Amino acid sequence: MSQGYIEFPNIDPVLFEIGPVSIRWYGLMYLVGFIFAMWLANRRADKANSGWTREQVSDLLFAGFLGVIIGGRVGYVFFYGFEELMADPLYLFKVWTGGMSFHGGLLGVITAMFWYAKKNNRTFFNVADFIAPLVPFGLGMGRIGNFMNSELWGRVTDLPWGVIFPNGGPFPRHPSQLYEFALEGVVLFFILNWFIKKPRPAGSVSGLFLLGYGSFRFLVEYVREPDAHLGLFGDFISMGQILSLPMVIIGALMMVWAYKVNASSTQKVSK
């Protein structure tokens, strides 16, 4: 059955164990993403006239990390696992069973950025435009973690790079996690970090992030095995697409607003 296709390697999701503590590949990928974001943010803060210090970066990224973890889990449970939550209210806290939502994590990060901006007398877009170019690398690492966990795979395909996942049935499937790694992680990272090489109006960088991620995610959903649906248009549109479409619209409107209305507040995000 696997002739001509790629057989998924037998990867143990647990990297190693020390007594009752287990280190998983998925958690390690998140850690790598966070460390890289910290390094890149500090590098930018060290530039002359960046308007940021390393201490401020540390506080911001810690708040953002909490937003990702809490928002990602709550979002997953409410968007994709509501039936499990109704059957077992403690399901919300069973993070070891897996399940994180990007859209929930985004809402958590937005909440954290609003809190940080208010606490430190900054504008929301000053904070959002600084942090947006840091995010794609972490997203990409998360998708690598999904692949190594053999989860969130794609629809059945007859393409030669189709992968037969051990928990995905006998047929080859799109490695949609790797598609998302390439688009959400690599391509979006380079787009945003090229974009900030010149001063941009406040709100345009975070707007481009929303537009880019929403567009890439919407496209990949066509080859990704659907999660829960809302029952709109039959099987044509998935929950991921329903959640991504507002990001595309809001991101485009933010960029129009930034260049048409907010152009006087052009700011530099240090490289």
C-alpha atoms as a PDB file:
ATOM      1  CA  MET A   1       0.000   0.000   0.000  1.00  0.00           C
ATOM      2  CA  SER A   2       2.891   2.371   0.743  1.00  0.00           C
ATOM      3  CA  GLN A   3       4.688   1.779  -2.600  1.00  0.00           C
ATOM      4  CA  GLY A   4       5.461   5.113  -4.232  1.00  0.00           C
ATOM      5  CA  TYR A   5       4.592   7.111  -1.134  1.00  0.00           C
ATOM      6  CA  ILE A   6       6.384   8.137   2.038  1.00  0.00           C
ATOM      7  CA  GLU A   7       5.969   6.003   5.126  1.00  0.00           C
ATOM      8  CA  PHE A   8       5.862   8.163   8.243  1.00  0.00           C
ATOM      9  CA  PRO A   9       8.931   7.433  10.407  1.00  0.00           C
ATOM     10  CA  ASN A  10       8.332   5.857  13.786  1.00  0.00           C
ATOM     11  CA  ILE A  11       8.917   8.960  15.935  1.00  0.00           C
ATOM     12  CA  ASP A  12       8.234   8.726  19.637  1.00  0.00           C
ATOM     13  CA  PRO A  13       6.450  11.963  20.658  1.00  0.00           C
ATOM     14  CA  VAL A  14       8.378  11.797  23.953  1.00  0.00           C
ATOM     15  CA  LEU A  15      11.967  12.959  23.454  1.00  0.00           C
ATOM     16  CA  PHE A  16      13.147  11.629  26.830  1.00  0.00           C
ATOM     17  CA  GLU A  17      11.900  11.047  30.348  1.00  0.00           C
ATOM     18  CA  ILE A  18      13.410  11.897  33.721  1.00  0.00           C
ATOM     19  CA  GLY A  19      11.425  10.122  36.417  1.00  0.00           C
ATOM     20  CA  PRO A  20       7.805  11.289  36.182  1.00  0.00           C
ATOM     21  CA  VAL A  21       8.758  14.218  33.908  1.00  0.00           C
ATOM     22  CA  SER A  22       8.637  13.693  30.142  1.00  0.00           C
ATOM     23  CA  ILE A  23      10.000  16.083  27.530  1.00  0.00           C
ATOM     24  CA  ARG A  24       7.987  15.986  24.311  1.00  0.00           C
ATOM     25  CA  TRP A  25       9.037  17.077  20.842  1.00  0.00           C
ATOM     26  CA  TYR A  26       5.998  19.358  20.617  1.00  0.00           C
ATOM     27  CA  GLY A  27       6.948  21.231  23.782  1.00  0.00           C
ATOM     28  CA  LEU A  28      10.562  21.437  22.647  1.00  0.00           C
ATOM     29  CA  MET A  29       9.476  23.084  19.386  1.00  0.00           C
ATOM     30  CA  TYR A  30       7.564  25.737  21.323  1.00  0.00           C
ATOM     31  CA  LEU A  31      10.644  26.324  23.483  1.00  0.00           C
ATOM     32  CA  VAL A  32      12.873  26.713  20.417  1.00  0.00           C
ATOM     33  CA  GLY A  33      10.416  29.213  18.959  1.00  0.00           C
ATOM     34  CA  PHE A  34      10.335  31.216  22.196  1.00  0.00           C
ATOM     35  CA  ILE A  35      14.137  31.283  22.532  1.00  0.00           C
ATOM     36  CA  PHE A  36      14.505  32.465  18.936  1.00  0.00           C
ATOM     37  CA  ALA A  37      11.895  35.194  19.469  1.00  0.00           C
ATOM     38  CA  MET A  38      13.742  36.338  22.596  1.00  0.00           C
ATOM     39  CA  TRP A  39      17.069  36.443  20.732  1.00  0.00           C
ATOM     40  CA  LEU A  40      15.659  38.363  17.772  1.00  0.00           C
ATOM     41  CA  ALA A  41      13.703  40.800  19.959  1.00  0.00           C
ATOM     42  CA  ASN A  42      16.773  41.540  22.092  1.00  0.00           C
ATOM     43  CA  ARG A  43      18.845  42.052  18.955  1.00  0.00           C
ATOM     44  CA  ARG A  44      16.344  44.649  17.766  1.00  0.00           C
ATOM     45  CA  ALA A  45      16.094  46.277  21.182  1.00  0.00           C
ATOM     46  CA  ASP A  46      19.887  46.716  21.218  1.00  0.00           C
ATOM     47  CA  LYS A  47      19.761  48.876  18.070  1.00  0.00           C
ATOM     48  CA  ALA A  48      20.179  52.605  18.556  1.00  0.00           C
ATOM     49  CA  ASN A  49      16.886  54.483  19.036  1.00  0.00           C
ATOM     50  CA  SER A  50      14.858  51.254  19.030  1.00  0.00           C
ATOM     51  CA  GLY A  51      12.641  52.546  21.825  1.00  0.00           C
ATOM     52  CA  TRP A  52      12.925  49.209  23.632  1.00  0.00           C
ATOM     53  CA  THR A  53      15.104  47.760  26.361  1.00  0.00           C
ATOM     54  CA  ARG A  54      15.897  44.122  27.043  1.00  0.00           C
ATOM     55  CA  GLU A  55      13.898  44.260  30.263  1.00  0.00           C
ATOM     56  CA  GLN A  56      10.833  45.533  28.394  1.00  0.00           C
ATOM     57  CA  VAL A  57      11.289  42.806  25.772  1.00  0.00           C
ATOM     58  CA  SER A  58      11.470  40.152  28.488  1.00  0.00           C
ATOM     59  CA  ASP A  59       8.247  41.378  30.120  1.00  0.00           C
ATOM     60  CA  LEU A  60       6.439  41.605  26.784  1.00  0.00           C
ATOM     61  CA  LEU A  61       7.444  38.134  25.598  1.00  0.00           C
ATOM     62  CA  PHE A  62       6.560  36.567  28.939  1.00  0.00           C
ATOM     63  CA  ALA A  63       3.085  38.112  28.755  1.00  0.00           C
ATOM     64  CA  GLY A  64       2.780  36.985  25.138  1.00  0.00           C
ATOM     65  CA  PHE A  65       3.885  33.448  26.008  1.00  0.00           C
ATOM     66  CA  LEU A  66       1.187  33.202  28.678  1.00  0.00           C
ATOM     67  CA  GLY A  67      -1.326  34.536  26.163  1.00  0.00           C
ATOM     68  CA  VAL A  68      -0.343  31.869  23.635  1.00  0.00           C
ATOM     69  CA  ILE A  69      -0.590  28.993  26.096  1.00  0.00           C
ATOM     70  CA  ILE A  70      -3.813  30.031  27.842  1.00  0.00           C
ATOM     71  CA  GLY A  71      -5.552  31.377  24.754  1.00  0.00           C
ATOM     72  CA  GLY A  72      -4.401  28.482  22.586  1.00  0.00           C
ATOM     73  CA  ARG A  73      -5.797  25.868  24.945  1.00  0.00           C
ATOM     74  CA  VAL A  74      -9.060  27.686  25.683  1.00  0.00           C
ATOM     75  CA  GLY A  75      -9.544  28.395  21.986  1.00  0.00           C
ATOM     76  CA  TYR A  76      -8.967  24.765  21.020  1.00  0.00           C
ATOM     77  CA  VAL A  77     -11.444  23.489  23.586  1.00  0.00           C
ATOM     78  CA  PHE A  78     -14.176  25.951  22.624  1.00  0.00           C
ATOM     79  CA  PHE A  79     -13.608  25.897  18.850  1.00  0.00           C
ATOM     80  CA  TYR A  80     -12.849  22.217  18.328  1.00  0.00           C
ATOM     81  CA  GLY A  81     -13.462  20.251  21.541  1.00  0.00           C
ATOM     82  CA  PHE A  82     -16.665  21.685  22.963  1.00  0.00           C
ATOM     83  CA  GLU A  83     -18.382  18.270  23.089  1.00  0.00           C
ATOM     84  CA  GLU A  84     -15.512  16.863  25.154  1.00  0.00           C
ATOM     85  CA  LEU A  85     -15.737  19.872  27.450  1.00  0.00           C
ATOM     86  CA  MET A  86     -19.451  19.317  28.001  1.00  0.00           C
ATOM     87  CA  ALA A  87     -18.814  15.655  28.799  1.00  0.00           C
ATOM     88  CA  ASP A  88     -15.874  16.431  31.081  1.00  0.00           C
ATOM     89  CA  PRO A  89     -15.347  20.030  32.295  1.00  0.00           C
ATOM     90  CA  LEU A  90     -11.831  19.110  33.423  1.00  0.00           C
ATOM     91  CA  TYR A  91     -10.938  18.482  29.758  1.00  0.00           C
ATOM     92  CA  LEU A  92      -9.957  22.157  29.567  1.00  0.00           C
ATOM     93  CA  PHE A  93      -7.013  21.482  31.877  1.00  0.00           C
ATOM     94  CA  LYS A  94      -5.872  18.198  30.329  1.00  0.00           C
ATOM     95  CA  VAL A  95      -3.183  19.849  28.231  1.00  0.00           C
ATOM     96  CA  TRP A  96      -1.161  16.613  28.088  1.00  0.00           C
ATOM     97  CA  THR A  97      -3.817  15.147  25.771  1.00  0.00           C
ATOM     98  CA  GLY A  98      -2.826  17.713  23.127  1.00  0.00           C
ATOM     99  CA  GLY A  99      -4.796  20.428  21.429  1.00  0.00           C
ATOM    100  CA  MET A 100      -3.830  24.066  20.829  1.00  0.00           C
ATOM    101  CA  SER A 101      -5.591  26.559  18.568  1.00  0.00           C
ATOM    102  CA  PHE A 102      -3.684  29.272  16.762  1.00  0.00           C
ATOM    103  CA  HIS A 103      -6.736  31.509  16.618  1.00  0.00           C
ATOM    104  CA  GLY A 104      -7.270  31.118  20.360  1.00  0.00           C
ATOM    105  CA  GLY A 105      -3.589  31.795  20.954  1.00  0.00           C
ATOM    106  CA  LEU A 106      -3.841  34.928  18.815  1.00  0.00           C
ATOM    107  CA  LEU A 107      -6.707  36.241  20.924  1.00  0.00           C
ATOM    108  CA  GLY A 108      -4.644  35.493  24.023  1.00  0.00           C
ATOM    109  CA  VAL A 109      -1.654  37.393  22.646  1.00  0.00           C
ATOM    110  CA  ILE A 110      -3.828  40.357  21.615  1.00  0.00           C
ATOM    111  CA  THR A 111      -5.193  40.496  25.167  1.00  0.00           C
ATOM    112  CA  ALA A 112      -1.649  40.380  26.548  1.00  0.00           C
ATOM    113  CA  MET A 113      -0.528  43.163  24.203  1.00  0.00           C
ATOM    114  CA  PHE A 114      -3.427  45.408  25.225  1.00  0.00           C
ATOM    115  CA  TRP A 115      -2.528  44.815  28.881  1.00  0.00           C
ATOM    116  CA  TYR A 116       1.164  45.471  28.301  1.00  0.00           C
ATOM    117  CA  ALA A 117       0.550  48.615  26.246  1.00  0.00           C
ATOM    118  CA  LYS A 118      -1.742  50.110  28.873  1.00  0.00           C
ATOM    119  CA  LYS A 119       0.602  49.229  31.732  1.00  0.00           C
ATOM    120  CA  ASN A 120       3.630  50.755  30.005  1.00  0.00           C
ATOM    121  CA  ASN A 121       1.967  53.799  28.413  1.00  0.00           C
ATOM    122  CA  ARG A 122       2.494  52.592  24.872  1.00  0.00           C
ATOM    123  CA  THR A 123       0.063  52.440  21.998  1.00  0.00           C
ATOM    124  CA  PHE A 124      -1.306  49.032  21.076  1.00  0.00           C
ATOM    125  CA  PHE A 125       0.148  49.194  17.551  1.00  0.00           C
ATOM    126  CA  ASN A 126       3.582  50.143  18.872  1.00  0.00           C
ATOM    127  CA  VAL A 127       3.561  46.837  20.742  1.00  0.00           C
ATOM    128  CA  ALA A 128       1.827  44.783  18.039  1.00  0.00           C
ATOM    129  CA  ASP A 129       4.116  45.965  15.230  1.00  0.00           C
ATOM    130  CA  PHE A 130       7.177  45.084  17.304  1.00  0.00           C
ATOM    131  CA  ILE A 131       6.038  41.571  18.125  1.00  0.00           C
ATOM    132  CA  ALA A 132       4.404  40.548  14.810  1.00  0.00           C
ATOM    133  CA  PRO A 133       7.666  39.818  12.903  1.00  0.00           C
ATOM    134  CA  LEU A 134       8.789  37.551  15.752  1.00  0.00           C
ATOM    135  CA  VAL A 135       5.791  35.229  15.564  1.00  0.00           C
ATOM    136  CA  PRO A 136       6.137  33.256  12.285  1.00  0.00           C
ATOM    137  CA  PHE A 137       9.252  31.348  13.358  1.00  0.00           C
ATOM    138  CA  GLY A 138       7.419  30.048  16.425  1.00  0.00           C
ATOM    139  CA  LEU A 139       4.437  29.114  14.256  1.00  0.00           C
ATOM    140  CA  GLY A 140       6.732  27.152  11.986  1.00  0.00           C
ATOM    141  CA  MET A 141       8.271  25.274  14.904  1.00  0.00           C
ATOM    142  CA  GLY A 142       4.778  24.432  16.146  1.00  0.00           C
ATOM    143  CA  ARG A 143       3.931  22.902  12.760  1.00  0.00           C
ATOM    144  CA  ILE A 144       7.079  20.787  12.879  1.00  0.00           C
ATOM    145  CA  GLY A 145       5.878  19.609  16.290  1.00  0.00           C
ATOM    146  CA  ASN A 146       2.485  18.727  14.769  1.00  0.00           C
ATOM    147  CA  PHE A 147       4.232  16.673  12.084  1.00  0.00           C
ATOM    148  CA  MET A 148       6.400  14.811  14.577  1.00  0.00           C
ATOM    149  CA  ASN A 149       3.300  14.105  16.671  1.00  0.00           C
ATOM    150  CA  SER A 150       1.574  12.671  13.570  1.00  0.00           C
ATOM    151  CA  GLU A 151      -1.383  15.033  14.037  1.00  0.00           C
ATOM    152  CA  LEU A 152      -3.304  17.577  11.960  1.00  0.00           C
ATOM    153  CA  TRP A 153      -2.409  15.761   8.755  1.00  0.00           C
ATOM    154  CA  GLY A 154      -4.049  16.503   5.423  1.00  0.00           C
ATOM    155  CA  ARG A 155      -6.616  14.916   3.163  1.00  0.00           C
ATOM    156  CA  VAL A 156      -5.982  11.743   1.189  1.00  0.00           C
ATOM    157  CA  THR A 157      -3.857  12.384  -1.909  1.00  0.00           C
ATOM    158  CA  ASP A 158      -2.270  10.497  -4.790  1.00  0.00           C
ATOM    159  CA  LEU A 159       0.656  12.914  -5.076  1.00  0.00           C
ATOM    160  CA  PRO A 160       4.084  11.254  -4.804  1.00  0.00           C
ATOM    161  CA  TRP A 161       4.973  13.134  -1.601  1.00  0.00           C
ATOM    162  CA  GLY A 162       1.867  11.889   0.181  1.00  0.00           C
ATOM    163  CA  VAL A 163       2.647  10.518   3.638  1.00  0.00           C
ATOM    164  CA  ILE A 164       1.065   7.453   5.237  1.00  0.00           C
ATOM    165  CA  PHE A 165       0.594   8.481   8.865  1.00  0.00           C
ATOM    166  CA  PRO A 166       0.287   5.651  11.418  1.00  0.00           C
ATOM    167  CA  ASN A 167      -2.934   7.096  12.837  1.00  0.00           C
ATOM    168  CA  GLY A 168      -4.305   8.403   9.537  1.00  0.00           C
ATOM    169  CA  GLY A 169      -5.468   5.189   7.950  1.00  0.00           C
ATOM    170  CA  PRO A 170      -3.865   3.169   5.137  1.00  0.00           C
ATOM    171  CA  PHE A 171      -3.953   5.912   2.503  1.00  0.00           C
ATOM    172  CA  PRO A 172      -1.295   8.594   1.804  1.00  0.00           C
ATOM    173  CA  ARG A 173      -2.201  12.093   2.954  1.00  0.00           C
ATOM    174  CA  HIS A 174      -1.008  15.619   2.328  1.00  0.00           C
ATOM    175  CA  PRO A 175       1.697  16.541   4.865  1.00  0.00           C
ATOM    176  CA  SER A 176      -0.251  19.739   5.501  1.00  0.00           C
ATOM    177  CA  GLN A 177       1.784  20.460   8.635  1.00  0.00           C
ATOM    178  CA  LEU A 178       4.842  20.928   6.400  1.00  0.00           C
ATOM    179  CA  TYR A 179       2.884  23.128   3.987  1.00  0.00           C
ATOM    180  CA  GLU A 180       1.962  25.332   6.934  1.00  0.00           C
ATOM    181  CA  PHE A 181       5.554  25.298   8.185  1.00  0.00           C
ATOM    182  CA  ALA A 182       6.718  26.568   4.794  1.00  0.00           C
ATOM    183  CA  LEU A 183       4.021  29.248   4.384  1.00  0.00           C
ATOM    184  CA  GLU A 184       3.170  30.384   7.929  1.00  0.00           C
ATOM    185  CA  GLY A 185       6.689  29.908   9.218  1.00  0.00           C
ATOM    186  CA  VAL A 186       9.304  30.507   6.525  1.00  0.00           C
ATOM    187  CA  VAL A 187       7.552  32.621   3.867  1.00  0.00           C
ATOM    188  CA  LEU A 188       5.637  34.836   6.305  1.00  0.00           C
ATOM    189  CA  PHE A 189       8.777  35.347   8.411  1.00  0.00           C
ATOM    190  CA  PHE A 190      10.744  36.646   5.428  1.00  0.00           C
ATOM    191  CA  ILE A 191       7.857  38.799   4.167  1.00  0.00           C
ATOM    192  CA  LEU A 192       7.445  40.573   7.504  1.00  0.00           C
ATOM    193  CA  ASN A 193      11.152  40.982   8.172  1.00  0.00           C
ATOM    194  CA  TRP A 194      11.666  42.386   4.685  1.00  0.00           C
ATOM    195  CA  PHE A 195       8.706  44.733   5.211  1.00  0.00           C
ATOM    196  CA  ILE A 196      10.135  46.296   8.384  1.00  0.00           C
ATOM    197  CA  LYS A 197      13.426  47.226   6.752  1.00  0.00           C
ATOM    198  CA  LYS A 198      11.835  50.611   6.008  1.00  0.00           C
ATOM    199  CA  PRO A 199       9.747  52.808   8.334  1.00  0.00           C
ATOM    200  CA  ARG A 200       6.075  51.849   8.114  1.00  0.00           C
ATOM    201  CA  PRO A 201       2.843  53.461   9.371  1.00  0.00           C
ATOM    202  CA  ALA A 202       1.703  52.249  12.778  1.00  0.00           C
ATOM    203  CA  GLY A 203      -0.560  49.231  12.395  1.00  0.00           C
ATOM    204  CA  SER A 204       0.684  48.207   8.944  1.00  0.00           C
ATOM    205  CA  VAL A 205       3.100  45.523  10.188  1.00  0.00           C
ATOM    206  CA  SER A 206       0.534  43.774  12.384  1.00  0.00           C
ATOM    207  CA  GLY A 207      -2.039  44.220   9.598  1.00  0.00           C
ATOM    208  CA  LEU A 208       0.275  42.475   7.137  1.00  0.00           C
ATOM    209  CA  PHE A 209       0.759  39.648   9.617  1.00  0.00           C
ATOM    210  CA  LEU A 210      -2.999  39.073   9.909  1.00  0.00           C
ATOM    211  CA  LEU A 211      -3.455  39.287   6.143  1.00  0.00           C
ATOM    212  CA  GLY A 212      -0.551  36.931   5.423  1.00  0.00           C
ATOM    213  CA  TYR A 213      -1.330  34.304   8.027  1.00  0.00           C
ATOM    214  CA  GLY A 214      -5.066  34.327   7.319  1.00  0.00           C
ATOM    215  CA  SER A 215      -4.483  33.907   3.574  1.00  0.00           C
ATOM    216  CA  PHE A 216      -1.942  31.088   3.949  1.00  0.00           C
ATOM    217  CA  ARG A 217      -4.050  29.227   6.495  1.00  0.00           C
ATOM    218  CA  PHE A 218      -7.196  29.604   4.367  1.00  0.00           C
ATOM    219  CA  LEU A 219      -5.408  28.069   1.363  1.00  0.00           C
ATOM    220  CA  VAL A 220      -3.840  25.154   3.251  1.00  0.00           C
ATOM    221  CA  GLU A 221      -7.231  24.256   4.757  1.00  0.00           C
ATOM    222  CA  TYR A 222      -8.287  22.996   1.311  1.00  0.00           C
ATOM    223  CA  VAL A 223      -5.827  20.092   1.644  1.00  0.00           C
ATOM    224  CA  ARG A 224      -5.970  19.682   5.414  1.00  0.00           C
ATOM    225  CA  GLU A 225      -8.258  17.093   6.966  1.00  0.00           C
ATOM    226  CA  PRO A 226     -11.073  19.277   8.326  1.00  0.00           C
ATOM    227  CA  ASP A 227     -11.592  19.815  12.006  1.00  0.00           C
ATOM    228  CA  ALA A 228     -15.054  20.604  13.314  1.00  0.00           C
ATOM    229  CA  HIS A 229     -17.370  22.335  10.800  1.00  0.00           C
ATOM    230  CA  LEU A 230     -20.085  24.858  11.443  1.00  0.00           C
ATOM    231  CA  GLY A 231     -22.293  23.349   8.779  1.00  0.00           C
ATOM    232  CA  LEU A 232     -22.018  26.291   6.380  1.00  0.00           C
ATOM    233  CA  PHE A 233     -21.903  25.478   2.644  1.00  0.00           C
ATOM    234  CA  GLY A 234     -21.729  21.748   3.299  1.00  0.00           C
ATOM    235  CA  ASP A 235     -18.131  20.535   3.402  1.00  0.00           C
ATOM    236  CA  PHE A 236     -16.805  23.449   1.334  1.00  0.00           C
ATOM    237  CA  ILE A 237     -15.586  25.592   4.209  1.00  0.00           C
ATOM    238  CA  SER A 238     -13.842  24.386   7.368  1.00  0.00           C
ATOM    239  CA  MET A 239     -13.712  25.811  10.850  1.00  0.00           C
ATOM    240  CA  GLY A 240     -10.131  26.925  10.196  1.00  0.00           C
ATOM    241  CA  GLN A 241     -11.261  28.888   7.132  1.00  0.00           C
ATOM    242  CA  ILE A 242     -14.180  30.453   8.986  1.00  0.00           C
ATOM    243  CA  LEU A 243     -11.772  31.633  11.670  1.00  0.00           C
ATOM    244  CA  SER A 244      -9.145  32.792   9.152  1.00  0.00           C
ATOM    245  CA  LEU A 245     -11.398  34.809   6.863  1.00  0.00           C
ATOM    246  CA  PRO A 246     -11.935  37.617   9.430  1.00  0.00           C
ATOM    247  CA  MET A 247      -8.139  37.818   9.818  1.00  0.00           C
ATOM    248  CA  VAL A 248      -7.755  38.439   6.090  1.00  0.00           C
ATOM    249  CA  ILE A 249     -10.447  41.134   6.085  1.00  0.00           C
ATOM    250  CA  ILE A 250      -9.258  42.848   9.274  1.00  0.00           C
ATOM    251  CA  GLY A 251      -5.606  42.700   8.169  1.00  0.00           C
ATOM    252  CA  ALA A 252      -6.414  44.294   4.799  1.00  0.00           C
ATOM    253  CA  LEU A 253      -8.516  47.025   6.455  1.00  0.00           C
ATOM    254  CA  MET A 254      -5.730  47.710   8.950  1.00  0.00           C
ATOM    255  CA  MET A 255      -3.216  48.221   6.154  1.00  0.00           C
ATOM    256  CA  VAL A 256      -5.568  50.539   4.257  1.00  0.00           C
ATOM    257  CA  TRP A 257      -6.203  52.499   7.459  1.00  0.00           C
ATOM    258  CA  ALA A 258      -2.490  52.656   8.247  1.00  0.00           C
ATOM    259  CA  TYR A 259      -1.537  54.095   4.864  1.00  0.00           C
ATOM    260  CA  LYS A 260      -4.585  56.294   4.291  1.00  0.00           C
ATOM    261  CA  VAL A 261      -5.325  57.589   7.776  1.00  0.00           C
ATOM    262  CA  ASN A 262      -2.384  56.767  10.031  1.00  0.00           C
ATOM    263  CA  ALA A 263       0.484  57.524   7.638  1.00  0.00           C
ATOM    264  CA  SER A 264       1.655  60.428   9.806  1.00  0.00           C
ATOM    265  CA  SER A 265       2.614  57.985  12.560  1.00  0.00           C
ATOM    266  CA  THR A 266       5.231  56.186  10.491  1.00  0.00           C
ATOM    267  CA  GLN A 267       7.499  54.209  12.781  1.00  0.00           C
ATOM    268  CA  LYS A 268      10.646  52.127  12.478  1.00  0.00           C
ATOM    269  CA  VAL A 269      10.795  48.558  13.783  1.00  0.00           C
ATOM    270  CA  SER A 270      14.497  47.964  14.395  1.00  0.00           C
ATOM    271  CA  LYS A 271      16.013  45.178  12.333  1.00  0.00           C
END
